[in-house]
Amino acid sequence: GEPLMRTDLFELAAYAVSKGLRPVLSTNGTLIDERMA
């Protein structure tokens, strides 16, 4: 799917960062406005 449609995506990604993981985003890009970027 489109991961940016998951409402808690950024909570999950931030948690991954806190655990030392390197998060990568695979997206169709159509939802990335300035604030999202």
PDB file of all heavy atoms in Angstrom:
ATOM      1  N   GLY A   1       0.757  -1.205   0.000  1.00  0.00           N
ATOM      2  CA  GLY A   1       0.000   0.000   0.000  1.00  0.00           C
ATOM      3  C   GLY A   1       0.808   1.285   0.000  1.00  0.00           C
ATOM      4  O   GLY A   1       1.950   1.335  -0.411  1.00  0.00           O
ATOM      5  N   GLU A   2       0.154   2.320   0.481  1.00  0.00           N
ATOM      6  CA  GLU A   2       0.807   3.609   0.671  1.00  0.00           C
ATOM      7  C   GLU A   2       1.021   3.821   2.171  1.00  0.00           C
ATOM      8  O   GLU A   2       0.054   4.073   2.901  1.00  0.00           O
ATOM      9  CB  GLU A   2      -0.032   4.738   0.074  1.00  0.00           C
ATOM     10  CG  GLU A   2       0.480   6.131   0.369  1.00  0.00           C
ATOM     11  CD  GLU A   2       1.975   6.288   0.129  1.00  0.00           C
ATOM     12  OE1 GLU A   2       2.435   5.992  -1.008  1.00  0.00           O
ATOM     13  OE2 GLU A   2       2.701   6.685   1.063  1.00  0.00           O
ATOM     14  N   PRO A   3       2.272   3.702   2.644  1.00  0.00           N
ATOM     15  CA  PRO A   3       2.514   3.768   4.094  1.00  0.00           C
ATOM     16  C   PRO A   3       2.088   5.082   4.735  1.00  0.00           C
ATOM     17  O   PRO A   3       1.737   5.110   5.920  1.00  0.00           O
ATOM     18  CB  PRO A   3       4.028   3.554   4.207  1.00  0.00           C
ATOM     19  CG  PRO A   3       4.570   3.881   2.858  1.00  0.00           C
ATOM     20  CD  PRO A   3       3.505   3.492   1.895  1.00  0.00           C
ATOM     21  N   LEU A   4       2.081   6.193   3.965  1.00  0.00           N
ATOM     22  CA  LEU A   4       1.703   7.473   4.539  1.00  0.00           C
ATOM     23  C   LEU A   4       0.210   7.547   4.857  1.00  0.00           C
ATOM     24  O   LEU A   4      -0.246   8.492   5.521  1.00  0.00           O
ATOM     25  CB  LEU A   4       2.092   8.615   3.597  1.00  0.00           C
ATOM     26  CG  LEU A   4       3.595   8.856   3.446  1.00  0.00           C
ATOM     27  CD1 LEU A   4       3.864   9.903   2.381  1.00  0.00           C
ATOM     28  CD2 LEU A   4       4.223   9.253   4.768  1.00  0.00           C
ATOM     29  N   MET A   5      -0.566   6.546   4.458  1.00  0.00           N
ATOM     30  CA  MET A   5      -1.975   6.490   4.814  1.00  0.00           C
ATOM     31  C   MET A   5      -2.189   5.828   6.167  1.00  0.00           C
ATOM     32  O   MET A   5      -3.311   5.831   6.684  1.00  0.00           O
ATOM     33  CB  MET A   5      -2.776   5.764   3.720  1.00  0.00           C
ATOM     34  CG  MET A   5      -2.813   6.502   2.398  1.00  0.00           C
ATOM     35  SD  MET A   5      -3.929   5.763   1.193  1.00  0.00           S
ATOM     36  CE  MET A   5      -5.546   6.185   1.877  1.00  0.00           C
ATOM     37  N   ARG A   6      -1.131   5.250   6.744  1.00  0.00           N
ATOM     38  CA  ARG A   6      -1.247   4.681   8.083  1.00  0.00           C
ATOM     39  C   ARG A   6      -1.056   5.805   9.099  1.00  0.00           C
ATOM     40  O   ARG A   6      -0.011   6.473   9.121  1.00  0.00           O
ATOM     41  CB  ARG A   6      -0.238   3.565   8.287  1.00  0.00           C
ATOM     42  CG  ARG A   6      -0.292   3.007   9.692  1.00  0.00           C
ATOM     43  CD  ARG A   6       0.320   1.649   9.853  1.00  0.00           C
ATOM     44  NE  ARG A   6       0.294   1.279  11.260  1.00  0.00           N
ATOM     45  CZ  ARG A   6       0.208   0.046  11.730  1.00  0.00           C
ATOM     46  NH1 ARG A   6       0.146  -0.966  10.879  1.00  0.00           N
ATOM     47  NH2 ARG A   6       0.189  -0.183  13.027  1.00  0.00           N
ATOM     48  N   THR A   7      -2.032   6.004   9.975  1.00  0.00           N
ATOM     49  CA  THR A   7      -2.050   7.181  10.839  1.00  0.00           C
ATOM     50  C   THR A   7      -0.938   7.187  11.883  1.00  0.00           C
ATOM     51  O   THR A   7      -0.536   8.267  12.332  1.00  0.00           O
ATOM     52  CB  THR A   7      -3.407   7.304  11.551  1.00  0.00           C
ATOM     53  OG1 THR A   7      -3.671   6.096  12.290  1.00  0.00           O
ATOM     54  CG2 THR A   7      -4.527   7.518  10.531  1.00  0.00           C
ATOM     55  N   ASP A   8      -0.441   6.015  12.270  1.00  0.00           N
ATOM     56  CA  ASP A   8       0.621   5.964  13.274  1.00  0.00           C
ATOM     57  C   ASP A   8       1.987   5.651  12.668  1.00  0.00           C
ATOM     58  O   ASP A   8       2.905   5.229  13.374  1.00  0.00           O
ATOM     59  CB  ASP A   8       0.288   4.963  14.383  1.00  0.00           C
ATOM     60  CG  ASP A   8       0.079   3.543  13.858  1.00  0.00           C
ATOM     61  OD1 ASP A   8       0.290   3.308  12.649  1.00  0.00           O
ATOM     62  OD2 ASP A   8      -0.304   2.659  14.654  1.00  0.00           O
ATOM     63  N   LEU A   9       2.133   5.883  11.368  1.00  0.00           N
ATOM     64  CA  LEU A   9       3.403   5.576  10.697  1.00  0.00           C
ATOM     65  C   LEU A   9       4.579   6.280  11.366  1.00  0.00           C
ATOM     66  O   LEU A   9       5.627   5.663  11.615  1.00  0.00           O
ATOM     67  CB  LEU A   9       3.337   5.978   9.220  1.00  0.00           C
ATOM     68  CG  LEU A   9       4.687   5.898   8.479  1.00  0.00           C
ATOM     69  CD1 LEU A   9       5.095   4.450   8.272  1.00  0.00           C
ATOM     70  CD2 LEU A   9       4.632   6.639   7.145  1.00  0.00           C
ATOM     71  N   PHE A  10       4.425   7.558  11.657  1.00  0.00           N
ATOM     72  CA  PHE A  10       5.556   8.309  12.192  1.00  0.00           C
ATOM     73  C   PHE A  10       5.892   7.891  13.624  1.00  0.00           C
ATOM     74  O   PHE A  10       7.060   7.964  14.023  1.00  0.00           O
ATOM     75  CB  PHE A  10       5.285   9.807  12.084  1.00  0.00           C
ATOM     76  CG  PHE A  10       5.282  10.293  10.659  1.00  0.00           C
ATOM     77  CD1 PHE A  10       4.084  10.518   9.995  1.00  0.00           C
ATOM     78  CD2 PHE A  10       6.473  10.480   9.977  1.00  0.00           C
ATOM     79  CE1 PHE A  10       4.077  10.941   8.675  1.00  0.00           C
ATOM     80  CE2 PHE A  10       6.474  10.905   8.652  1.00  0.00           C
ATOM     81  CZ  PHE A  10       5.277  11.126   7.994  1.00  0.00           C
ATOM     82  N   GLU A  11       4.906   7.431  14.372  1.00  0.00           N
ATOM     83  CA  GLU A  11       5.193   6.869  15.691  1.00  0.00           C
ATOM     84  C   GLU A  11       6.021   5.596  15.559  1.00  0.00           C
ATOM     85  O   GLU A  11       6.989   5.379  16.307  1.00  0.00           O
ATOM     86  CB  GLU A  11       3.888   6.570  16.435  1.00  0.00           C
ATOM     87  CG  GLU A  11       3.115   7.777  16.907  1.00  0.00           C
ATOM     88  CD  GLU A  11       1.838   7.388  17.627  1.00  0.00           C
ATOM     89  OE1 GLU A  11       1.923   6.956  18.792  1.00  0.00           O
ATOM     90  OE2 GLU A  11       0.758   7.496  17.013  1.00  0.00           O
ATOM     91  N   LEU A  12       5.661   4.750  14.605  1.00  0.00           N
ATOM     92  CA  LEU A  12       6.406   3.511  14.382  1.00  0.00           C
ATOM     93  C   LEU A  12       7.831   3.810  13.918  1.00  0.00           C
ATOM     94  O   LEU A  12       8.790   3.201  14.395  1.00  0.00           O
ATOM     95  CB  LEU A  12       5.683   2.646  13.348  1.00  0.00           C
ATOM     96  CG  LEU A  12       4.384   1.999  13.803  1.00  0.00           C
ATOM     97  CD1 LEU A  12       3.606   1.455  12.610  1.00  0.00           C
ATOM     98  CD2 LEU A  12       4.653   0.872  14.803  1.00  0.00           C
ATOM     99  N   ALA A  13       7.964   4.745  12.984  1.00  0.00           N
ATOM    100  CA  ALA A  13       9.295   5.074  12.456  1.00  0.00           C
ATOM    101  C   ALA A  13      10.174   5.692  13.539  1.00  0.00           C
ATOM    102  O   ALA A  13      11.360   5.369  13.648  1.00  0.00           O
ATOM    103  CB  ALA A  13       9.166   6.012  11.265  1.00  0.00           C
ATOM    104  N   ALA A  14       9.603   6.587  14.336  1.00  0.00           N
ATOM    105  CA  ALA A  14      10.378   7.205  15.415  1.00  0.00           C
ATOM    106  C   ALA A  14      10.806   6.156  16.430  1.00  0.00           C
ATOM    107  O   ALA A  14      11.930   6.214  16.962  1.00  0.00           O
ATOM    108  CB  ALA A  14       9.553   8.297  16.091  1.00  0.00           C
ATOM    109  N   TYR A  15       9.934   5.201  16.686  1.00  0.00           N
ATOM    110  CA  TYR A  15      10.285   4.123  17.616  1.00  0.00           C
ATOM    111  C   TYR A  15      11.431   3.289  17.043  1.00  0.00           C
ATOM    112  O   TYR A  15      12.355   2.895  17.768  1.00  0.00           O
ATOM    113  CB  TYR A  15       9.063   3.245  17.889  1.00  0.00           C
ATOM    114  CG  TYR A  15       9.275   2.244  18.999  1.00  0.00           C
ATOM    115  CD1 TYR A  15       9.264   2.641  20.331  1.00  0.00           C
ATOM    116  CD2 TYR A  15       9.494   0.896  18.719  1.00  0.00           C
ATOM    117  CE1 TYR A  15       9.466   1.723  21.360  1.00  0.00           C
ATOM    118  CE2 TYR A  15       9.696  -0.029  19.728  1.00  0.00           C
ATOM    119  CZ  TYR A  15       9.680   0.397  21.051  1.00  0.00           C
ATOM    120  OH  TYR A  15       9.890  -0.514  22.068  1.00  0.00           O
ATOM    121  N   ALA A  16      11.375   3.029  15.744  1.00  0.00           N
ATOM    122  CA  ALA A  16      12.454   2.279  15.098  1.00  0.00           C
ATOM    123  C   ALA A  16      13.785   3.023  15.233  1.00  0.00           C
ATOM    124  O   ALA A  16      14.824   2.409  15.520  1.00  0.00           O
ATOM    125  CB  ALA A  16      12.128   2.043  13.623  1.00  0.00           C
ATOM    126  N   VAL A  17      13.760   4.328  15.026  1.00  0.00           N
ATOM    127  CA  VAL A  17      14.975   5.135  15.179  1.00  0.00           C
ATOM    128  C   VAL A  17      15.503   5.027  16.606  1.00  0.00           C
ATOM    129  O   VAL A  17      16.709   4.881  16.837  1.00  0.00           O
ATOM    130  CB  VAL A  17      14.706   6.607  14.806  1.00  0.00           C
ATOM    131  CG1 VAL A  17      15.904   7.483  15.158  1.00  0.00           C
ATOM    132  CG2 VAL A  17      14.389   6.738  13.316  1.00  0.00           C
ATOM    133  N   SER A  18      14.594   5.093  17.584  1.00  0.00           N
ATOM    134  CA  SER A  18      15.016   5.034  18.992  1.00  0.00           C
ATOM    135  C   SER A  18      15.660   3.701  19.341  1.00  0.00           C
ATOM    136  O   SER A  18      16.422   3.618  20.312  1.00  0.00           O
ATOM    137  CB  SER A  18      13.812   5.285  19.913  1.00  0.00           C
ATOM    138  OG  SER A  18      12.951   4.153  19.987  1.00  0.00           O
ATOM    139  N   LYS A  19      15.353   2.669  18.569  1.00  0.00           N
ATOM    140  CA  LYS A  19      15.923   1.345  18.801  1.00  0.00           C
ATOM    141  C   LYS A  19      17.163   1.081  17.945  1.00  0.00           C
ATOM    142  O   LYS A  19      17.687  -0.040  17.923  1.00  0.00           O
ATOM    143  CB  LYS A  19      14.869   0.259  18.527  1.00  0.00           C
ATOM    144  CG  LYS A  19      13.689   0.301  19.490  1.00  0.00           C
ATOM    145  CD  LYS A  19      14.124   0.020  20.918  1.00  0.00           C
ATOM    146  CE  LYS A  19      12.984   0.093  21.911  1.00  0.00           C
ATOM    147  NZ  LYS A  19      13.410  -0.237  23.286  1.00  0.00           N
ATOM    148  N   GLY A  20      17.618   2.099  17.223  1.00  0.00           N
ATOM    149  CA  GLY A  20      18.837   1.962  16.448  1.00  0.00           C
ATOM    150  C   GLY A  20      18.647   1.430  15.047  1.00  0.00           C
ATOM    151  O   GLY A  20      19.638   1.150  14.349  1.00  0.00           O
ATOM    152  N   LEU A  21      17.406   1.300  14.577  1.00  0.00           N
ATOM    153  CA  LEU A  21      17.154   0.842  13.214  1.00  0.00           C
ATOM    154  C   LEU A  21      17.219   2.008  12.233  1.00  0.00           C
ATOM    155  O   LEU A  21      17.038   3.167  12.604  1.00  0.00           O
ATOM    156  CB  LEU A  21      15.784   0.169  13.123  1.00  0.00           C
ATOM    157  CG  LEU A  21      15.643  -1.171  13.836  1.00  0.00           C
ATOM    158  CD1 LEU A  21      14.201  -1.666  13.764  1.00  0.00           C
ATOM    159  CD2 LEU A  21      16.573  -2.219  13.227  1.00  0.00           C
ATOM    160  N   ARG A  22      17.485   1.695  10.982  1.00  0.00           N
ATOM    161  CA  ARG A  22      17.575   2.689   9.920  1.00  0.00           C
ATOM    162  C   ARG A  22      16.300   2.608   9.080  1.00  0.00           C
ATOM    163  O   ARG A  22      16.161   1.732   8.238  1.00  0.00           O
ATOM    164  CB  ARG A  22      18.814   2.435   9.060  1.00  0.00           C
ATOM    165  CG  ARG A  22      20.105   2.441   9.859  1.00  0.00           C
ATOM    166  CD  ARG A  22      21.272   1.773   9.133  1.00  0.00           C
ATOM    167  NE  ARG A  22      21.761   2.565   8.032  1.00  0.00           N
ATOM    168  CZ  ARG A  22      21.829   2.148   6.784  1.00  0.00           C
ATOM    169  NH1 ARG A  22      21.396   0.936   6.458  1.00  0.00           N
ATOM    170  NH2 ARG A  22      22.326   2.910   5.840  1.00  0.00           N
ATOM    171  N   PRO A  23      15.328   3.523   9.300  1.00  0.00           N
ATOM    172  CA  PRO A  23      14.059   3.442   8.575  1.00  0.00           C
ATOM    173  C   PRO A  23      14.148   4.025   7.170  1.00  0.00           C
ATOM    174  O   PRO A  23      14.756   5.072   6.941  1.00  0.00           O
ATOM    175  CB  PRO A  23      13.107   4.263   9.450  1.00  0.00           C
ATOM    176  CG  PRO A  23      13.989   5.278  10.102  1.00  0.00           C
ATOM    177  CD  PRO A  23      15.331   4.605  10.296  1.00  0.00           C
ATOM    178  N   VAL A  24      13.510   3.342   6.230  1.00  0.00           N
ATOM    179  CA  VAL A  24      13.424   3.769   4.832  1.00  0.00           C
ATOM    180  C   VAL A  24      11.946   3.836   4.478  1.00  0.00           C
ATOM    181  O   VAL A  24      11.142   3.022   4.947  1.00  0.00           O
ATOM    182  CB  VAL A  24      14.159   2.774   3.916  1.00  0.00           C
ATOM    183  CG1 VAL A  24      13.982   3.150   2.449  1.00  0.00           C
ATOM    184  CG2 VAL A  24      15.640   2.701   4.276  1.00  0.00           C
ATOM    185  N   LEU A  25      11.570   4.795   3.654  1.00  0.00           N
ATOM    186  CA  LEU A  25      10.178   4.979   3.243  1.00  0.00           C
ATOM    187  C   LEU A  25      10.030   4.654   1.764  1.00  0.00           C
ATOM    188  O   LEU A  25      10.762   5.177   0.924  1.00  0.00           O
ATOM    189  CB  LEU A  25       9.739   6.423   3.500  1.00  0.00           C
ATOM    190  CG  LEU A  25       8.294   6.781   3.147  1.00  0.00           C
ATOM    191  CD1 LEU A  25       7.308   6.018   4.022  1.00  0.00           C
ATOM    192  CD2 LEU A  25       8.073   8.293   3.283  1.00  0.00           C
ATOM    193  N   SER A  26       9.068   3.784   1.452  1.00  0.00           N
ATOM    194  CA  SER A  26       8.725   3.479   0.065  1.00  0.00           C
ATOM    195  C   SER A  26       7.316   3.995  -0.187  1.00  0.00           C
ATOM    196  O   SER A  26       6.342   3.486   0.375  1.00  0.00           O
ATOM    197  CB  SER A  26       8.797   1.970  -0.190  1.00  0.00           C
ATOM    198  OG  SER A  26       8.444   1.660  -1.521  1.00  0.00           O
ATOM    199  N   THR A  27       7.194   5.012  -1.031  1.00  0.00           N
ATOM    200  CA  THR A  27       5.939   5.753  -1.168  1.00  0.00           C
ATOM    201  C   THR A  27       5.671   6.118  -2.624  1.00  0.00           C
ATOM    202  O   THR A  27       6.596   6.158  -3.444  1.00  0.00           O
ATOM    203  CB  THR A  27       6.007   7.040  -0.308  1.00  0.00           C
ATOM    204  OG1 THR A  27       4.858   7.853  -0.553  1.00  0.00           O
ATOM    205  CG2 THR A  27       7.260   7.864  -0.631  1.00  0.00           C
ATOM    206  N   ASN A  28       4.403   6.398  -2.928  1.00  0.00           N
ATOM    207  CA  ASN A  28       4.103   6.903  -4.271  1.00  0.00           C
ATOM    208  C   ASN A  28       4.306   8.409  -4.366  1.00  0.00           C
ATOM    209  O   ASN A  28       4.216   8.980  -5.451  1.00  0.00           O
ATOM    210  CB  ASN A  28       2.694   6.504  -4.719  1.00  0.00           C
ATOM    211  CG  ASN A  28       1.581   7.054  -3.839  1.00  0.00           C
ATOM    212  OD1 ASN A  28       1.575   8.232  -3.483  1.00  0.00           O
ATOM    213  ND2 ASN A  28       0.609   6.206  -3.509  1.00  0.00           N
ATOM    214  N   GLY A  29       4.566   9.056  -3.239  1.00  0.00           N
ATOM    215  CA  GLY A  29       4.954  10.462  -3.238  1.00  0.00           C
ATOM    216  C   GLY A  29       3.835  11.470  -3.384  1.00  0.00           C
ATOM    217  O   GLY A  29       4.051  12.668  -3.186  1.00  0.00           O
ATOM    218  N   THR A  30       2.634  11.016  -3.711  1.00  0.00           N
ATOM    219  CA  THR A  30       1.564  11.958  -4.037  1.00  0.00           C
ATOM    220  C   THR A  30       1.012  12.688  -2.809  1.00  0.00           C
ATOM    221  O   THR A  30       0.322  13.706  -2.957  1.00  0.00           O
ATOM    222  CB  THR A  30       0.401  11.243  -4.739  1.00  0.00           C
ATOM    223  OG1 THR A  30      -0.134  10.235  -3.865  1.00  0.00           O
ATOM    224  CG2 THR A  30       0.875  10.595  -6.038  1.00  0.00           C
ATOM    225  N   LEU A  31       1.307  12.192  -1.615  1.00  0.00           N
ATOM    226  CA  LEU A  31       0.801  12.806  -0.381  1.00  0.00           C
ATOM    227  C   LEU A  31       1.847  13.677   0.309  1.00  0.00           C
ATOM    228  O   LEU A  31       1.600  14.195   1.397  1.00  0.00           O
ATOM    229  CB  LEU A  31       0.318  11.714   0.581  1.00  0.00           C
ATOM    230  CG  LEU A  31      -0.770  10.776   0.054  1.00  0.00           C
ATOM    231  CD1 LEU A  31      -1.099   9.701   1.086  1.00  0.00           C
ATOM    232  CD2 LEU A  31      -2.027  11.551  -0.331  1.00  0.00           C
ATOM    233  N   ILE A  32       3.015  13.835  -0.321  1.00  0.00           N
ATOM    234  CA  ILE A  32       4.115  14.564   0.324  1.00  0.00           C
ATOM    235  C   ILE A  32       4.045  16.044  -0.031  1.00  0.00           C
ATOM    236  O   ILE A  32       4.604  16.502  -1.029  1.00  0.00           O
ATOM    237  CB  ILE A  32       5.483  13.972  -0.066  1.00  0.00           C
ATOM    238  CG1 ILE A  32       5.532  12.477   0.280  1.00  0.00           C
ATOM    239  CG2 ILE A  32       6.602  14.718   0.656  1.00  0.00           C
ATOM    240  CD1 ILE A  32       6.828  11.793  -0.098  1.00  0.00           C
ATOM    241  N   ASP A  33       3.316  16.790   0.804  1.00  0.00           N
ATOM    242  CA  ASP A  33       3.347  18.250   0.675  1.00  0.00           C
ATOM    243  C   ASP A  33       4.529  18.774   1.498  1.00  0.00           C
ATOM    244  O   ASP A  33       5.336  17.985   2.013  1.00  0.00           O
ATOM    245  CB  ASP A  33       2.026  18.876   1.118  1.00  0.00           C
ATOM    246  CG  ASP A  33       1.630  18.513   2.550  1.00  0.00           C
ATOM    247  OD1 ASP A  33       2.501  18.049   3.324  1.00  0.00           O
ATOM    248  OD2 ASP A  33       0.446  18.694   2.903  1.00  0.00           O
ATOM    249  N   GLU A  34       4.662  20.072   1.639  1.00  0.00           N
ATOM    250  CA  GLU A  34       5.821  20.634   2.339  1.00  0.00           C
ATOM    251  C   GLU A  34       5.886  20.180   3.787  1.00  0.00           C
ATOM    252  O   GLU A  34       6.953  19.833   4.296  1.00  0.00           O
ATOM    253  CB  GLU A  34       5.768  22.166   2.256  1.00  0.00           C
ATOM    254  CG  GLU A  34       5.963  22.706   0.842  1.00  0.00           C
ATOM    255  CD  GLU A  34       5.829  24.212   0.774  1.00  0.00           C
ATOM    256  OE1 GLU A  34       5.643  24.840   1.847  1.00  0.00           O
ATOM    257  OE2 GLU A  34       5.909  24.768  -0.337  1.00  0.00           O
ATOM    258  N   ARG A  35       4.743  20.178   4.469  1.00  0.00           N
ATOM    259  CA  ARG A  35       4.720  19.758   5.880  1.00  0.00           C
ATOM    260  C   ARG A  35       5.064  18.279   6.012  1.00  0.00           C
ATOM    261  O   ARG A  35       5.783  17.878   6.932  1.00  0.00           O
ATOM    262  CB  ARG A  35       3.345  20.037   6.487  1.00  0.00           C
ATOM    263  CG  ARG A  35       3.034  21.514   6.690  1.00  0.00           C
ATOM    264  CD  ARG A  35       1.686  21.702   7.354  1.00  0.00           C
ATOM    265  NE  ARG A  35       1.660  21.080   8.687  1.00  0.00           N
ATOM    266  CZ  ARG A  35       0.554  20.943   9.413  1.00  0.00           C
ATOM    267  NH1 ARG A  35      -0.617  21.371   8.944  1.00  0.00           N
ATOM    268  NH2 ARG A  35       0.605  20.387  10.603  1.00  0.00           N
ATOM    269  N   MET A  36       4.546  17.457   5.104  1.00  0.00           N
ATOM    270  CA  MET A  36       4.825  16.026   5.160  1.00  0.00           C
ATOM    271  C   MET A  36       6.309  15.761   4.907  1.00  0.00           C
ATOM    272  O   MET A  36       6.924  14.911   5.573  1.00  0.00           O
ATOM    273  CB  MET A  36       3.970  15.282   4.133  1.00  0.00           C
ATOM    274  CG  MET A  36       4.125  13.767   4.182  1.00  0.00           C
ATOM    275  SD  MET A  36       3.414  13.031   5.671  1.00  0.00           S
ATOM    276  CE  MET A  36       1.663  13.051   5.235  1.00  0.00           C
ATOM    277  N   ALA A  37       6.898  16.458   3.963  1.00  0.00           N
ATOM    278  CA  ALA A  37       8.326  16.282   3.686  1.00  0.00           C
ATOM    279  C   ALA A  37       9.163  16.608   4.913  1.00  0.00           C
ATOM    280  O   ALA A  37      10.110  15.877   5.253  1.00  0.00           O
ATOM    281  CB  ALA A  37       8.738  17.162   2.504  1.00  0.00           C
TER     282      ALA A  37
END
